[in-house]
C-alpha atoms as a PDB file:
ATOM      1  CA  UNK A   1     -22.572 -33.975 -18.401  1.00  0.00           C
ATOM      2  CA  UNK A   2     -21.162 -33.760 -14.971  1.00  0.00           C
ATOM      3  CA  UNK A   3     -18.791 -31.878 -12.938  1.00  0.00           C
ATOM      4  CA  UNK A   4     -15.926 -30.961 -15.174  1.00  0.00           C
ATOM      5  CA  UNK A   5     -12.637 -29.200 -14.964  1.00  0.00           C
ATOM      6  CA  UNK A   6     -12.009 -25.367 -14.934  1.00  0.00           C
ATOM      7  CA  UNK A   7      -8.896 -23.136 -15.268  1.00  0.00           C
ATOM      8  CA  UNK A   8      -8.107 -19.374 -14.870  1.00  0.00           C
ATOM      9  CA  UNK A   9     -10.291 -16.436 -13.986  1.00  0.00           C
ATOM     10  CA  UNK A  10     -12.867 -14.810 -16.207  1.00  0.00           C
ATOM     11  CA  UNK A  11     -14.169 -11.230 -16.170  1.00  0.00           C
ATOM     12  CA  UNK A  12     -15.891 -10.534 -12.938  1.00  0.00           C
ATOM     13  CA  UNK A  13     -18.548  -8.479 -14.589  1.00  0.00           C
ATOM     14  CA  UNK A  14     -19.777 -11.486 -16.337  1.00  0.00           C
ATOM     15  CA  UNK A  15     -22.432 -12.571 -13.916  1.00  0.00           C
ATOM     16  CA  UNK A  16     -23.073  -9.095 -12.704  1.00  0.00           C
ATOM     17  CA  UNK A  17     -23.922  -8.013 -16.214  1.00  0.00           C
ATOM     18  CA  UNK A  18     -26.303 -11.013 -16.780  1.00  0.00           C
ATOM     19  CA  UNK A  19     -28.183 -10.471 -13.528  1.00  0.00           C
ATOM     20  CA  UNK A  20     -27.836  -6.862 -12.447  1.00  0.00           C
ATOM     21  CA  UNK A  21     -30.531  -5.562 -14.712  1.00  0.00           C
ATOM     22  CA  UNK A  22     -33.207  -7.298 -12.738  1.00  0.00           C
ATOM     23  CA  UNK A  23     -31.985  -7.541  -9.098  1.00  0.00           C
ATOM     24  CA  UNK A  24     -29.152  -6.391  -6.905  1.00  0.00           C
ATOM     25  CA  UNK A  25     -26.406  -8.869  -6.226  1.00  0.00           C
ATOM     26  CA  UNK A  26     -25.435  -7.888  -2.880  1.00  0.00           C
ATOM     27  CA  UNK A  27     -28.249  -9.030  -0.989  1.00  0.00           C
ATOM     28  CA  UNK A  28     -28.521 -41.487 -20.086  1.00  0.00           C
ATOM     29  CA  UNK A  29     -31.860 -40.075 -20.693  1.00  0.00           C
ATOM     30  CA  UNK A  30     -33.610 -39.099 -18.562  1.00  0.00           C
ATOM     31  CA  UNK A  31     -30.524 -37.187 -17.482  1.00  0.00           C
ATOM     32  CA  UNK A  32     -27.595 -36.113 -19.553  1.00  0.00           C
ATOM     33  CA  UNK A  33     -25.563 -34.234 -17.135  1.00  0.00           C
ATOM     34  CA  UNK A  34     -23.420 -35.719 -14.395  1.00  0.00           C
ATOM     35  CA  UNK A  35     -24.469 -35.254 -10.897  1.00  0.00           C
ATOM     36  CA  UNK A  36     -27.146 -36.997  -8.747  1.00  0.00           C
ATOM     37  CA  UNK A  37     -26.566 -36.355  -5.075  1.00  0.00           C
ATOM     38  CA  UNK A  38     -24.808 -39.316  -3.499  1.00  0.00           C
ATOM     39  CA  UNK A  39     -25.148 -39.952   0.147  1.00  0.00           C
ATOM     40  CA  UNK A  40     -27.905 -37.504   0.434  1.00  0.00           C
ATOM     41  CA  UNK A  41     -31.472 -37.332   1.722  1.00  0.00           C
ATOM     42  CA  UNK A  42     -34.695 -36.160   0.359  1.00  0.00           C
ATOM     43  CA  UNK A  43     -35.566 -32.438   0.983  1.00  0.00           C
ATOM     44  CA  UNK A  44     -38.733 -30.393   0.080  1.00  0.00           C
ATOM     45  CA  UNK A  45     -38.581 -27.850  -2.634  1.00  0.00           C
ATOM     46  CA  UNK A  46     -40.596 -25.511  -0.329  1.00  0.00           C
ATOM     47  CA  UNK A  47     -37.710 -25.421   1.973  1.00  0.00           C
ATOM     48  CA  UNK A  48     -35.095 -24.692  -0.763  1.00  0.00           C
ATOM     49  CA  UNK A  49     -37.111 -22.952  -3.494  1.00  0.00           C
ATOM     50  CA  UNK A  50     -33.964 -21.565  -5.175  1.00  0.00           C
ATOM     51  CA  UNK A  51     -32.969 -25.067  -6.216  1.00  0.00           C
ATOM     52  CA  UNK A  52     -34.487 -25.642  -9.768  1.00  0.00           C
ATOM     53  CA  UNK A  53     -34.359 -28.292 -12.405  1.00  0.00           C
ATOM     54  CA  UNK A  54     -33.474 -27.625 -16.100  1.00  0.00           C
ATOM     55  CA  UNK A  55     -35.640 -29.759 -18.359  1.00  0.00           C
ATOM     56  CA  UNK A  56     -36.394 -30.525 -21.991  1.00  0.00           C
ATOM     57  CA  UNK A  57     -38.844 -33.344 -22.746  1.00  0.00           C
ATOM     58  CA  UNK A  58     -38.068 -33.194 -26.463  1.00  0.00           C
ATOM     59  CA  UNK A  59     -34.436 -34.015 -25.713  1.00  0.00           C
ATOM     60  CA  UNK A  60     -34.687 -36.171 -22.605  1.00  0.00           C
ATOM     61  CA  UNK A  61     -38.169 -37.624 -22.579  1.00  0.00           C
ATOM     62  CA  UNK A  62     -41.068 -37.203 -20.311  1.00  0.00           C
ATOM     63  CA  UNK A  63     -39.868 -39.231 -17.448  1.00  0.00           C
ATOM     64  CA  UNK A  64     -38.727 -36.952 -14.562  1.00  0.00           C
ATOM     65  CA  UNK A  65     -40.006 -34.024 -16.635  1.00  0.00           C
ATOM     66  CA  UNK A  66     -36.984 -34.183 -18.899  1.00  0.00           C
ATOM     67  CA  UNK A  67     -34.604 -33.042 -16.179  1.00  0.00           C
ATOM     68  CA  UNK A  68     -30.895 -33.042 -17.230  1.00  0.00           C
ATOM     69  CA  UNK A  69     -29.248 -30.428 -15.144  1.00  0.00           C
ATOM     70  CA  UNK A  70     -29.742 -28.225 -12.036  1.00  0.00           C
ATOM     71  CA  UNK A  71     -29.759 -24.455 -11.483  1.00  0.00           C
ATOM     72  CA  UNK A  72     -30.166 -21.753  -8.840  1.00  0.00           C
ATOM     73  CA  UNK A  73     -32.491 -18.763  -8.773  1.00  0.00           C
ATOM     74  CA  UNK A  74     -30.238 -15.564  -8.430  1.00  0.00           C
ATOM     75  CA  UNK A  75     -32.931 -13.055  -9.343  1.00  0.00           C
ATOM     76  CA  UNK A  76     -36.697 -13.346 -10.107  1.00  0.00           C
ATOM     77  CA  UNK A  77     -35.978 -13.816 -13.876  1.00  0.00           C
ATOM     78  CA  UNK A  78     -32.445 -15.256 -13.742  1.00  0.00           C
ATOM     79  CA  UNK A  79     -31.211 -18.778 -13.001  1.00  0.00           C
ATOM     80  CA  UNK A  80     -27.455 -19.440 -12.672  1.00  0.00           C
ATOM     81  CA  UNK A  81     -26.215 -22.758 -14.051  1.00  0.00           C
ATOM     82  CA  UNK A  82     -22.966 -24.168 -15.748  1.00  0.00           C
ATOM     83  CA  UNK A  83     -21.934 -23.557 -19.317  1.00  0.00           C
ATOM     84  CA  UNK A  84     -21.497 -27.301 -20.049  1.00  0.00           C
ATOM     85  CA  UNK A  85     -25.157 -27.877 -19.419  1.00  0.00           C
ATOM     86  CA  UNK A  86     -25.972 -25.797 -22.477  1.00  0.00           C
ATOM     87  CA  UNK A  87     -23.408 -27.355 -24.743  1.00  0.00           C
ATOM     88  CA  UNK A  88     -24.232 -28.867 -28.068  1.00  0.00           C
ATOM     89  CA  UNK A  89     -22.795 -32.194 -26.680  1.00  0.00           C
ATOM     90  CA  UNK A  90     -25.583 -32.152 -24.000  1.00  0.00           C
ATOM     91  CA  UNK A  91     -28.416 -30.593 -25.824  1.00  0.00           C
ATOM     92  CA  UNK A  92     -27.804 -32.320 -29.113  1.00  0.00           C
ATOM     93  CA  UNK A  93     -28.224 -29.042 -31.028  1.00  0.00           C
ATOM     94  CA  UNK A  94     -25.583 -26.804 -32.739  1.00  0.00           C
ATOM     95  CA  UNK A  95     -28.173 -23.964 -33.066  1.00  0.00           C
ATOM     96  CA  UNK A  96     -28.778 -23.084 -29.424  1.00  0.00           C
ATOM     97  CA  UNK A  97     -31.055 -24.296 -26.609  1.00  0.00           C
ATOM     98  CA  UNK A  98     -34.122 -26.587 -27.267  1.00  0.00           C
ATOM     99  CA  UNK A  99     -37.331 -24.819 -27.929  1.00  0.00           C
ATOM    100  CA  UNK A 100     -39.003 -26.544 -24.952  1.00  0.00           C
ATOM    101  CA  UNK A 101     -36.149 -25.629 -22.553  1.00  0.00           C
ATOM    102  CA  UNK A 102     -37.742 -24.829 -19.214  1.00  0.00           C
ATOM    103  CA  UNK A 103     -37.024 -24.329 -15.529  1.00  0.00           C
ATOM    104  CA  UNK A 104     -39.072 -26.341 -12.987  1.00  0.00           C
ATOM    105  CA  UNK A 105     -39.266 -24.498  -9.716  1.00  0.00           C
ATOM    106  CA  UNK A 106     -41.011 -25.253  -6.402  1.00  0.00           C
ATOM    107  CA  UNK A 107     -41.660 -28.875  -7.296  1.00  0.00           C
ATOM    108  CA  UNK A 108     -39.996 -31.563  -5.021  1.00  0.00           C
ATOM    109  CA  UNK A 109     -40.866 -34.588  -7.155  1.00  0.00           C
ATOM    110  CA  UNK A 110     -40.273 -34.184 -10.885  1.00  0.00           C
ATOM    111  CA  UNK A 111     -43.019 -36.579 -11.860  1.00  0.00           C
ATOM    112  CA  UNK A 112     -45.565 -34.850  -9.542  1.00  0.00           C
ATOM    113  CA  UNK A 113     -47.675 -31.694  -9.857  1.00  0.00           C
ATOM    114  CA  UNK A 114     -47.283 -28.260  -8.255  1.00  0.00           C
ATOM    115  CA  UNK A 115     -44.531 -25.783  -8.623  1.00  0.00           C
ATOM    116  CA  UNK A 116     -44.009 -23.864 -11.847  1.00  0.00           C
ATOM    117  CA  UNK A 117     -42.615 -24.744 -15.254  1.00  0.00           C
ATOM    118  CA  UNK A 118     -41.183 -21.579 -16.684  1.00  0.00           C
ATOM    119  CA  UNK A 119     -39.998 -21.301 -20.275  1.00  0.00           C
ATOM    120  CA  UNK A 120     -36.472 -20.015 -20.883  1.00  0.00           C
ATOM    121  CA  UNK A 121     -36.532 -16.754 -22.950  1.00  0.00           C
ATOM    122  CA  UNK A 122     -32.693 -16.287 -23.268  1.00  0.00           C
ATOM    123  CA  UNK A 123     -29.401 -17.585 -22.249  1.00  0.00           C
ATOM    124  CA  UNK A 124     -25.947 -16.223 -21.706  1.00  0.00           C
ATOM    125  CA  UNK A 125     -22.901 -18.576 -21.777  1.00  0.00           C
ATOM    126  CA  UNK A 126     -19.665 -17.286 -20.462  1.00  0.00           C
ATOM    127  CA  UNK A 127     -17.614 -16.581 -23.574  1.00  0.00           C
ATOM    128  CA  UNK A 128     -14.454 -17.506 -21.783  1.00  0.00           C
ATOM    129  CA  UNK A 129     -15.744 -20.955 -20.960  1.00  0.00           C
ATOM    130  CA  UNK A 130     -13.221 -23.584 -21.980  1.00  0.00           C
ATOM    131  CA  UNK A 131     -14.825 -27.027 -22.518  1.00  0.00           C
ATOM    132  CA  UNK A 132     -11.347 -28.719 -22.389  1.00  0.00           C
ATOM    133  CA  UNK A 133     -10.339 -27.325 -19.067  1.00  0.00           C
ATOM    134  CA  UNK A 134     -13.817 -26.335 -17.793  1.00  0.00           C
ATOM    135  CA  UNK A 135     -12.490 -22.932 -16.976  1.00  0.00           C
ATOM    136  CA  UNK A 136     -15.260 -20.405 -16.546  1.00  0.00           C
ATOM    137  CA  UNK A 137     -18.014 -23.025 -16.295  1.00  0.00           C
ATOM    138  CA  UNK A 138     -20.907 -20.549 -15.971  1.00  0.00           C
ATOM    139  CA  UNK A 139     -24.234 -19.713 -17.704  1.00  0.00           C
ATOM    140  CA  UNK A 140     -27.258 -17.651 -16.839  1.00  0.00           C
ATOM    141  CA  UNK A 141     -30.768 -18.243 -18.105  1.00  0.00           C
ATOM    142  CA  UNK A 142     -33.402 -15.545 -18.365  1.00  0.00           C
ATOM    143  CA  UNK A 143     -36.928 -16.683 -17.739  1.00  0.00           C
ATOM    144  CA  UNK A 144     -39.991 -15.692 -19.625  1.00  0.00           C
ATOM    145  CA  UNK A 145     -41.830 -14.826 -16.406  1.00  0.00           C
ATOM    146  CA  UNK A 146     -40.532 -13.967 -12.899  1.00  0.00           C
ATOM    147  CA  UNK A 147     -40.401 -16.373 -10.031  1.00  0.00           C
ATOM    148  CA  UNK A 148     -41.218 -14.914  -6.416  1.00  0.00           C
ATOM    149  CA  UNK A 149     -38.537 -12.866  -4.862  1.00  0.00           C
ATOM    150  CA  UNK A 150     -38.541 -15.358  -1.830  1.00  0.00           C
ATOM    151  CA  UNK A 151     -37.064 -17.995  -4.252  1.00  0.00           C
ATOM    152  CA  UNK A 152     -33.871 -15.834  -4.805  1.00  0.00           C
ATOM    153  CA  UNK A 153     -30.635 -17.191  -3.015  1.00  0.00           C
ATOM    154  CA  UNK A 154     -28.149 -14.528  -1.995  1.00  0.00           C
ATOM    155  CA  UNK A 155     -24.622 -14.835  -3.348  1.00  0.00           C
ATOM    156  CA  UNK A 156     -21.520 -15.066  -1.281  1.00  0.00           C
ATOM    157  CA  UNK A 157     -19.091 -12.343  -2.404  1.00  0.00           C
ATOM    158  CA  UNK A 158     -15.240 -12.301  -2.171  1.00  0.00           C
ATOM    159  CA  UNK A 159     -13.956 -12.860   1.352  1.00  0.00           C
ATOM    160  CA  UNK A 160     -17.179 -14.211   2.676  1.00  0.00           C
ATOM    161  CA  UNK A 161     -16.536 -16.620   5.563  1.00  0.00           C
ATOM    162  CA  UNK A 162     -18.792 -19.171   3.823  1.00  0.00           C
ATOM    163  CA  UNK A 163     -15.752 -20.039   1.605  1.00  0.00           C
ATOM    164  CA  UNK A 164     -13.564 -21.005   4.541  1.00  0.00           C
ATOM    165  CA  UNK A 165     -12.140 -24.646   4.664  1.00  0.00           C
ATOM    166  CA  UNK A 166     -14.237 -26.741   7.134  1.00  0.00           C
ATOM    167  CA  UNK A 167     -17.347 -24.720   6.630  1.00  0.00           C
ATOM    168  CA  UNK A 168     -20.545 -26.950   6.451  1.00  0.00           C
ATOM    169  CA  UNK A 169     -22.271 -26.754   3.178  1.00  0.00           C
ATOM    170  CA  UNK A 170     -25.034 -28.631   1.162  1.00  0.00           C
ATOM    171  CA  UNK A 171     -25.431 -29.624  -2.390  1.00  0.00           C
ATOM    172  CA  UNK A 172     -28.728 -30.084  -4.004  1.00  0.00           C
ATOM    173  CA  UNK A 173     -29.997 -31.815  -7.078  1.00  0.00           C
ATOM    174  CA  UNK A 174     -32.250 -34.495  -8.753  1.00  0.00           C
ATOM    175  CA  UNK A 175     -29.176 -36.502 -10.095  1.00  0.00           C
ATOM    176  CA  UNK A 176     -27.772 -40.005  -9.720  1.00  0.00           C
ATOM    177  CA  UNK A 177     -27.941 -41.206  -6.111  1.00  0.00           C
ATOM    178  CA  UNK A 178     -25.601 -44.174  -6.385  1.00  0.00           C
ATOM    179  CA  UNK A 179     -23.072 -43.389  -9.318  1.00  0.00           C
ATOM    180  CA  UNK A 180     -24.616 -46.326 -11.196  1.00  0.00           C
ATOM    181  CA  UNK A 181     -27.500 -44.499 -12.905  1.00  0.00           C
ATOM    182  CA  UNK A 182     -30.106 -44.549 -10.173  1.00  0.00           C
ATOM    183  CA  UNK A 183     -31.690 -41.201 -10.933  1.00  0.00           C
ATOM    184  CA  UNK A 184     -33.851 -39.384  -8.300  1.00  0.00           C
ATOM    185  CA  UNK A 185     -37.410 -38.373  -8.878  1.00  0.00           C
ATOM    186  CA  UNK A 186     -37.321 -36.148  -5.803  1.00  0.00           C
ATOM    187  CA  UNK A 187     -35.050 -33.236  -4.780  1.00  0.00           C
ATOM    188  CA  UNK A 188     -32.180 -34.517  -2.601  1.00  0.00           C
ATOM    189  CA  UNK A 189     -29.378 -32.804  -0.611  1.00  0.00           C
ATOM    190  CA  UNK A 190     -26.013 -33.993   0.700  1.00  0.00           C
ATOM    191  CA  UNK A 191     -24.197 -32.457   3.533  1.00  0.00           C
ATOM    192  CA  UNK A 192     -20.474 -31.773   2.574  1.00  0.00           C
ATOM    193  CA  UNK A 193     -17.700 -29.467   3.742  1.00  0.00           C
ATOM    194  CA  UNK A 194     -15.704 -26.782   2.111  1.00  0.00           C
ATOM    195  CA  UNK A 195     -12.148 -28.360   1.619  1.00  0.00           C
ATOM    196  CA  UNK A 196      -8.843 -26.629   1.357  1.00  0.00           C
ATOM    197  CA  UNK A 197      -7.825 -25.731  -2.289  1.00  0.00           C
ATOM    198  CA  UNK A 198      -4.771 -28.077  -1.808  1.00  0.00           C
ATOM    199  CA  UNK A 199      -7.077 -31.079  -1.380  1.00  0.00           C
ATOM    200  CA  UNK A 200      -8.446 -30.644  -4.912  1.00  0.00           C
ATOM    201  CA  UNK A 201      -5.044 -29.650  -6.296  1.00  0.00           C
ATOM    202  CA  UNK A 202      -3.570 -32.928  -5.086  1.00  0.00           C
ATOM    203  CA  UNK A 203      -6.559 -34.922  -6.270  1.00  0.00           C
ATOM    204  CA  UNK A 204      -6.447 -33.684  -9.808  1.00  0.00           C
ATOM    205  CA  UNK A 205      -2.692 -33.075 -10.261  1.00  0.00           C
ATOM    206  CA  UNK A 206      -2.467 -35.319 -13.336  1.00  0.00           C
ATOM    207  CA  UNK A 207      -4.739 -32.989 -15.328  1.00  0.00           C
ATOM    208  CA  UNK A 208      -6.954 -35.809 -16.651  1.00  0.00           C
ATOM    209  CA  UNK A 209     -10.222 -34.351 -16.988  1.00  0.00           C
ATOM    210  CA  UNK A 210      -9.014 -30.952 -15.724  1.00  0.00           C
ATOM    211  CA  UNK A 211      -6.753 -29.045 -13.499  1.00  0.00           C
ATOM    212  CA  UNK A 212      -7.935 -27.451 -10.318  1.00  0.00           C
ATOM    213  CA  UNK A 213      -7.782 -23.685 -10.275  1.00  0.00           C
ATOM    214  CA  UNK A 214      -8.472 -22.138  -6.807  1.00  0.00           C
ATOM    215  CA  UNK A 215      -9.227 -18.696  -8.354  1.00  0.00           C
ATOM    216  CA  UNK A 216     -12.273 -19.963 -10.372  1.00  0.00           C
ATOM    217  CA  UNK A 217     -13.017 -23.184  -8.525  1.00  0.00           C
ATOM    218  CA  UNK A 218     -14.134 -24.424  -5.223  1.00  0.00           C
ATOM    219  CA  UNK A 219     -13.412 -27.808  -3.564  1.00  0.00           C
ATOM    220  CA  UNK A 220     -15.916 -29.533  -1.470  1.00  0.00           C
ATOM    221  CA  UNK A 221     -16.897 -32.977  -0.245  1.00  0.00           C
ATOM    222  CA  UNK A 222     -15.666 -35.404   2.515  1.00  0.00           C
ATOM    223  CA  UNK A 223     -12.065 -36.678   2.535  1.00  0.00           C
ATOM    224  CA  UNK A 224     -13.335 -40.184   3.054  1.00  0.00           C
ATOM    225  CA  UNK A 225     -15.851 -39.862   0.269  1.00  0.00           C
ATOM    226  CA  UNK A 226     -19.451 -41.095   0.472  1.00  0.00           C
ATOM    227  CA  UNK A 227     -21.312 -37.760  -0.011  1.00  0.00           C
ATOM    228  CA  UNK A 228     -21.055 -35.863  -3.310  1.00  0.00           C
ATOM    229  CA  UNK A 229     -22.893 -34.550  -6.420  1.00  0.00           C
ATOM    230  CA  UNK A 230     -23.160 -36.892  -9.398  1.00  0.00           C
ATOM    231  CA  UNK A 231     -24.560 -37.302 -12.913  1.00  0.00           C
ATOM    232  CA  UNK A 232     -27.583 -34.979 -13.433  1.00  0.00           C
ATOM    233  CA  UNK A 233     -26.615 -32.544 -10.723  1.00  0.00           C
ATOM    234  CA  UNK A 234     -24.468 -30.217 -12.872  1.00  0.00           C
ATOM    235  CA  UNK A 235     -25.308 -26.535 -12.354  1.00  0.00           C
ATOM    236  CA  UNK A 236     -26.908 -27.267  -9.083  1.00  0.00           C
ATOM    237  CA  UNK A 237     -26.231 -25.121  -5.912  1.00  0.00           C
ATOM    238  CA  UNK A 238     -23.649 -25.545  -3.241  1.00  0.00           C
ATOM    239  CA  UNK A 239     -24.972 -23.558  -0.251  1.00  0.00           C
ATOM    240  CA  UNK A 240     -23.260 -22.465   2.906  1.00  0.00           C
ATOM    241  CA  UNK A 241     -24.460 -20.107   5.649  1.00  0.00           C
ATOM    242  CA  UNK A 242     -27.498 -19.396   3.644  1.00  0.00           C
ATOM    243  CA  UNK A 243     -25.671 -18.242   0.502  1.00  0.00           C
ATOM    244  CA  UNK A 244     -24.711 -19.612  -2.840  1.00  0.00           C
ATOM    245  CA  UNK A 245     -20.987 -20.342  -2.880  1.00  0.00           C
ATOM    246  CA  UNK A 246     -20.609 -22.878  -5.871  1.00  0.00           C
ATOM    247  CA  UNK A 247     -22.242 -24.541  -8.856  1.00  0.00           C
ATOM    248  CA  UNK A 248     -21.777 -28.297  -9.384  1.00  0.00           C
ATOM    249  CA  UNK A 249     -19.021 -28.403 -12.149  1.00  0.00           C
ATOM    250  CA  UNK A 250     -16.839 -31.594 -12.398  1.00  0.00           C
ATOM    251  CA  UNK A 251     -15.078 -34.348 -10.490  1.00  0.00           C
ATOM    252  CA  UNK A 252     -13.775 -37.868 -10.732  1.00  0.00           C
ATOM    253  CA  UNK A 253     -16.609 -40.314  -9.989  1.00  0.00           C
ATOM    254  CA  UNK A 254     -19.213 -39.819  -7.394  1.00  0.00           C
ATOM    255  CA  UNK A 255     -18.443 -39.726  -3.604  1.00  0.00           C
ATOM    256  CA  UNK A 256     -15.167 -41.672  -4.081  1.00  0.00           C
ATOM    257  CA  UNK A 257     -12.500 -41.204  -1.432  1.00  0.00           C
ATOM    258  CA  UNK A 258      -9.708 -38.823  -2.481  1.00  0.00           C
ATOM    259  CA  UNK A 259     -11.896 -37.307  -5.330  1.00  0.00           C
ATOM    260  CA  UNK A 260     -13.756 -34.359  -3.996  1.00  0.00           C
ATOM    261  CA  UNK A 261     -16.388 -32.377  -6.054  1.00  0.00           C
ATOM    262  CA  UNK A 262     -15.195 -29.307  -7.851  1.00  0.00           C
ATOM    263  CA  UNK A 263     -17.629 -26.347  -8.181  1.00  0.00           C
ATOM    264  CA  UNK A 264     -17.593 -23.092  -9.994  1.00  0.00           C
ATOM    265  CA  UNK A 265     -16.625 -20.539  -7.346  1.00  0.00           C
ATOM    266  CA  UNK A 266     -19.343 -17.963  -7.385  1.00  0.00           C
ATOM    267  CA  UNK A 267     -17.394 -15.227  -6.087  1.00  0.00           C
ATOM    268  CA  UNK A 268     -15.002 -15.371  -9.096  1.00  0.00           C
ATOM    269  CA  UNK A 269     -17.835 -14.075 -11.280  1.00  0.00           C
ATOM    270  CA  UNK A 270     -18.598 -11.010  -9.014  1.00  0.00           C
ATOM    271  CA  UNK A 271     -16.926  -7.746  -9.223  1.00  0.00           C
ATOM    272  CA  UNK A 272     -13.979  -7.113  -6.868  1.00  0.00           C
END
């Protein structure tokens, strides 16, 4: 369940409606989803508390706390992730989320202690999400109890300079670190750059796996490859200038030259 394709725009009120009630917006098992950070380095959860793991031990086993996707804290009781992380294909259920679905926050090493495991009380999946094109790949989880306000990562709105091509960014996750199923136990981050939309448009022109849409998607990586998200990182944050700009959505391979990562563009889900 890794970075997939997306298409046209969805209603900007979607994320706003899911989050606004609790916070202002202005300010293989063990992993089923694509996306471990390739070419990255270990980081501490204390330094990036907004990066959280989605877990289900019933579905993915006890190793690595059942981690299968990533997410990001956007309000004390709200975690943004991607829609395909909550699909029946990934969760193995046609009746909704697993009963033991939790968000692990503030824990660097999944097999370790510390941090919090917070049950998920509710979920919203973008009704305009298209699993074929990956358009509108966005979901929001509601937590059973709030996380500290200090865990909340601000969102970059439309026109924010953090979206400019060439901007330094970082992607976070517990996913595959090699592209060959070497899953991380500790949180990792890879330094990438925001790339021009044309770069991803050229890379995915065939439409296999999806077509790049600059309205709802964001292109990031390195032209020469080597640093990228991978299996298990889906839904994790892409951060630039201290703000959330994207969510790991789809791509072709992990860190391969000419195949940048494609992210859900956060600004597309915010009101104009």
